[in-house]
N, C-alpha and C. Protein backbone atom coordinates (compact mmCIF):
# COMPACT_ATOMS: atom_id res chain seq x y z
N UNK A 1 -16.05 67.52 15.16
CA UNK A 1 -16.98 66.32 15.13
C UNK A 1 -18.52 66.83 14.77
N UNK A 2 -19.10 66.00 13.99
CA UNK A 2 -20.45 66.40 13.59
C UNK A 2 -21.23 66.13 14.88
N UNK A 3 -22.53 66.95 14.87
CA UNK A 3 -23.55 66.74 16.00
C UNK A 3 -23.71 65.27 16.41
N UNK A 4 -23.80 64.97 17.57
CA UNK A 4 -23.93 63.58 18.07
C UNK A 4 -25.40 63.58 18.51
N UNK A 5 -25.98 62.64 17.82
CA UNK A 5 -27.29 62.45 17.89
C UNK A 5 -27.75 61.49 19.12
N UNK A 6 -29.03 61.37 19.41
CA UNK A 6 -29.33 60.43 20.64
C UNK A 6 -28.99 59.10 20.40
N UNK A 7 -29.15 58.67 19.19
CA UNK A 7 -28.83 57.17 18.71
C UNK A 7 -27.41 57.07 18.85
N UNK A 8 -26.58 57.93 18.43
CA UNK A 8 -25.04 57.68 18.42
C UNK A 8 -24.68 57.61 20.11
N UNK A 9 -25.31 58.39 20.85
CA UNK A 9 -25.13 58.46 22.18
C UNK A 9 -25.45 57.17 22.98
N UNK A 10 -26.67 56.62 22.59
CA UNK A 10 -27.14 55.23 23.04
C UNK A 10 -26.25 54.18 22.70
N UNK A 11 -25.80 54.23 21.32
CA UNK A 11 -24.81 53.26 20.82
C UNK A 11 -23.52 53.26 21.65
N UNK A 12 -22.99 54.44 21.74
CA UNK A 12 -21.78 54.61 22.53
C UNK A 12 -22.01 54.06 23.98
N UNK A 13 -22.90 54.47 24.73
CA UNK A 13 -23.12 53.94 26.08
C UNK A 13 -23.16 52.28 26.03
N UNK A 14 -24.00 51.77 25.21
CA UNK A 14 -23.98 50.31 24.95
C UNK A 14 -22.69 49.72 24.71
N UNK A 15 -21.76 50.28 23.91
CA UNK A 15 -20.39 49.74 23.43
C UNK A 15 -19.72 49.96 24.74
N UNK A 16 -19.79 51.02 25.60
CA UNK A 16 -18.95 51.24 26.71
C UNK A 16 -19.25 49.92 27.70
N UNK A 17 -20.40 49.61 27.91
CA UNK A 17 -20.94 48.54 28.72
C UNK A 17 -20.22 47.17 28.37
N UNK A 18 -19.99 46.95 26.98
CA UNK A 18 -19.42 45.85 26.34
C UNK A 18 -17.91 45.85 26.64
N UNK A 19 -17.31 47.00 26.69
CA UNK A 19 -15.94 47.29 26.65
C UNK A 19 -15.38 47.14 28.15
N UNK A 20 -16.22 47.67 29.18
CA UNK A 20 -15.75 47.82 30.44
C UNK A 20 -15.26 46.36 31.16
N UNK A 21 -15.98 45.34 30.76
CA UNK A 21 -15.49 43.98 31.31
C UNK A 21 -14.12 43.57 30.72
N UNK A 22 -13.75 44.08 29.41
CA UNK A 22 -12.67 43.59 28.69
C UNK A 22 -11.44 44.47 29.20
N UNK A 23 -11.52 45.67 29.48
CA UNK A 23 -10.46 46.69 29.79
C UNK A 23 -10.30 46.75 31.39
N UNK A 24 -9.12 46.71 31.78
CA UNK A 24 -8.85 46.86 33.26
C UNK A 24 -7.51 47.95 33.37
N UNK A 25 -7.03 48.08 34.63
CA UNK A 25 -6.07 48.96 34.93
C UNK A 25 -4.74 48.58 34.17
N UNK A 26 -4.57 47.14 33.91
CA UNK A 26 -3.30 46.69 33.52
C UNK A 26 -3.36 46.60 31.96
N UNK A 27 -4.37 47.06 31.33
CA UNK A 27 -4.61 46.93 29.85
C UNK A 27 -3.79 48.11 29.23
N UNK A 28 -2.88 47.65 28.33
CA UNK A 28 -2.10 48.77 27.61
C UNK A 28 -2.82 49.95 27.14
N UNK A 29 -2.39 51.18 27.20
CA UNK A 29 -3.20 52.32 26.74
C UNK A 29 -3.27 52.31 25.13
N UNK A 30 -2.41 51.56 24.53
CA UNK A 30 -2.46 51.41 22.95
C UNK A 30 -3.28 50.19 22.45
N UNK A 31 -3.85 49.50 23.42
CA UNK A 31 -4.81 48.38 23.11
C UNK A 31 -5.97 49.02 22.34
N UNK A 32 -6.34 48.19 21.41
CA UNK A 32 -7.53 48.83 20.51
C UNK A 32 -8.65 48.90 21.32
N UNK A 33 -8.99 48.10 22.35
CA UNK A 33 -10.24 48.19 23.26
C UNK A 33 -10.23 49.53 24.17
N UNK A 34 -8.84 49.82 24.46
CA UNK A 34 -8.83 50.98 25.45
C UNK A 34 -8.97 52.29 24.50
N UNK A 35 -8.45 52.24 23.37
CA UNK A 35 -8.66 53.33 22.40
C UNK A 35 -10.09 53.61 22.14
N UNK A 36 -10.81 52.36 21.70
CA UNK A 36 -12.18 52.57 21.57
C UNK A 36 -13.02 52.95 22.54
N UNK A 37 -12.55 52.53 23.95
CA UNK A 37 -13.35 52.96 25.08
C UNK A 37 -13.14 54.43 25.20
N UNK A 38 -12.10 55.01 25.02
CA UNK A 38 -11.74 56.39 25.12
C UNK A 38 -12.61 57.23 24.20
N UNK A 39 -12.70 56.64 22.87
CA UNK A 39 -13.61 57.47 21.82
C UNK A 39 -15.03 57.37 22.27
N UNK A 40 -15.37 56.24 22.70
CA UNK A 40 -16.81 56.10 23.12
C UNK A 40 -17.10 57.00 24.34
N UNK A 41 -16.14 57.10 25.19
CA UNK A 41 -16.34 57.98 26.48
C UNK A 41 -16.39 59.36 26.04
N UNK A 42 -15.51 59.81 25.11
CA UNK A 42 -15.51 61.25 24.52
C UNK A 42 -16.93 61.63 23.87
N UNK A 43 -17.51 60.50 23.11
CA UNK A 43 -18.69 60.86 22.62
C UNK A 43 -19.78 61.10 23.66
N UNK A 44 -19.86 60.17 24.61
CA UNK A 44 -20.86 60.36 25.86
C UNK A 44 -20.70 61.74 26.57
N UNK A 45 -19.41 62.14 26.75
CA UNK A 45 -19.11 63.28 27.48
C UNK A 45 -19.61 64.52 26.66
N UNK A 46 -19.31 64.47 25.34
CA UNK A 46 -19.73 65.64 24.32
C UNK A 46 -21.29 65.72 24.35
N UNK A 47 -21.91 64.64 24.24
CA UNK A 47 -23.42 64.72 24.30
C UNK A 47 -24.07 65.20 25.68
N UNK A 48 -23.49 64.76 26.77
CA UNK A 48 -23.98 65.00 28.04
C UNK A 48 -23.58 66.41 28.39
N UNK A 49 -22.62 66.99 27.88
CA UNK A 49 -22.29 68.37 28.14
C UNK A 49 -23.13 69.17 27.32
N UNK A 50 -23.64 68.85 26.19
CA UNK A 50 -24.60 69.71 25.44
C UNK A 50 -25.80 69.53 25.77
N UNK A 51 -26.40 68.31 26.25
CA UNK A 51 -27.74 68.17 26.57
C UNK A 51 -28.14 68.04 27.98
N UNK A 52 -27.20 67.88 28.93
CA UNK A 52 -27.37 67.68 30.23
C UNK A 52 -26.30 68.35 31.10
N UNK A 53 -26.13 69.65 30.76
CA UNK A 53 -25.08 70.56 31.50
C UNK A 53 -25.42 70.57 33.03
N UNK A 54 -24.45 70.40 33.72
CA UNK A 54 -24.18 70.61 35.10
C UNK A 54 -23.91 71.95 35.61
N UNK A 55 -24.83 72.79 36.17
CA UNK A 55 -24.65 74.05 36.45
C UNK A 55 -24.21 74.11 38.04
N UNK A 56 -23.44 75.13 38.23
CA UNK A 56 -22.93 75.34 39.73
C UNK A 56 -24.12 75.80 40.51
N UNK A 57 -24.27 75.06 41.54
CA UNK A 57 -25.55 75.69 42.51
C UNK A 57 -25.15 77.16 42.95
N UNK A 58 -26.19 77.76 43.42
CA UNK A 58 -25.91 79.03 44.11
C UNK A 58 -25.55 78.78 45.49
N UNK A 59 -25.00 79.75 46.36
CA UNK A 59 -24.61 79.53 47.69
C UNK A 59 -25.98 79.22 48.45
N UNK A 60 -27.04 79.91 48.21
CA UNK A 60 -28.28 79.40 49.01
C UNK A 60 -28.63 78.01 48.79
N UNK A 61 -28.59 77.54 47.40
CA UNK A 61 -28.91 76.08 47.05
C UNK A 61 -27.99 75.15 47.96
N UNK A 62 -26.77 75.40 48.02
CA UNK A 62 -25.79 74.64 48.86
C UNK A 62 -26.11 74.56 50.19
N UNK A 63 -26.55 75.68 50.75
CA UNK A 63 -26.89 75.84 52.18
C UNK A 63 -28.25 74.94 52.47
N UNK A 64 -29.07 75.15 51.57
CA UNK A 64 -30.32 74.26 51.56
C UNK A 64 -30.06 72.86 51.53
N UNK A 65 -29.29 72.40 50.70
CA UNK A 65 -28.91 71.07 50.58
C UNK A 65 -28.18 70.43 51.89
N UNK A 66 -27.39 71.39 52.35
CA UNK A 66 -26.66 70.93 53.64
C UNK A 66 -27.67 70.78 54.79
N UNK A 67 -28.56 71.78 54.86
CA UNK A 67 -29.54 71.40 55.92
C UNK A 67 -30.48 70.39 55.64
N UNK A 68 -30.91 70.06 54.51
CA UNK A 68 -31.71 68.90 54.17
C UNK A 68 -30.94 67.62 54.65
N UNK A 69 -29.66 67.60 54.05
CA UNK A 69 -28.82 66.36 54.49
C UNK A 69 -28.56 66.25 55.88
N UNK A 70 -28.39 67.23 56.67
CA UNK A 70 -28.19 67.18 58.00
C UNK A 70 -29.50 66.76 58.81
N UNK A 71 -30.57 67.12 58.37
CA UNK A 71 -31.89 66.79 58.91
C UNK A 71 -32.09 65.38 58.70
N UNK A 72 -31.87 64.94 57.49
CA UNK A 72 -32.03 63.49 57.08
C UNK A 72 -31.05 62.61 57.87
N UNK A 73 -29.81 62.97 58.09
CA UNK A 73 -28.95 62.16 58.87
C UNK A 73 -29.35 62.01 60.31
N UNK A 74 -29.82 63.19 60.90
CA UNK A 74 -30.42 63.13 62.23
C UNK A 74 -31.58 62.24 62.48
N UNK A 75 -32.37 62.11 61.44
CA UNK A 75 -33.57 61.48 61.59
C UNK A 75 -33.48 59.98 61.30
N UNK A 76 -32.42 59.60 60.77
CA UNK A 76 -32.11 58.26 60.37
C UNK A 76 -31.61 57.34 61.59
C-alpha cells in the first residue's frame, strides 16, 4: 500500500464513525459495510503504527506508574 497521508487517515477515521452505527455483531462478515470498516480500520492501524508507535515501558517506568496509581487511589 502507498504511504498513508494524514488526510487519508482523517478520512478513514471519519468513515469509521459513520460505519459503526450501521455494523453490529450480527452483521454478516461479507456485508459491504463490514468489509469497508475492516479496510478503514487497517488504514488507521497502519498510520498509527507508523506515526504513533507504542513503546514498551521499562521496568522502572512500570514501577513508577504503579506507585503513582496506588498513591492516587489512597488519596481518593
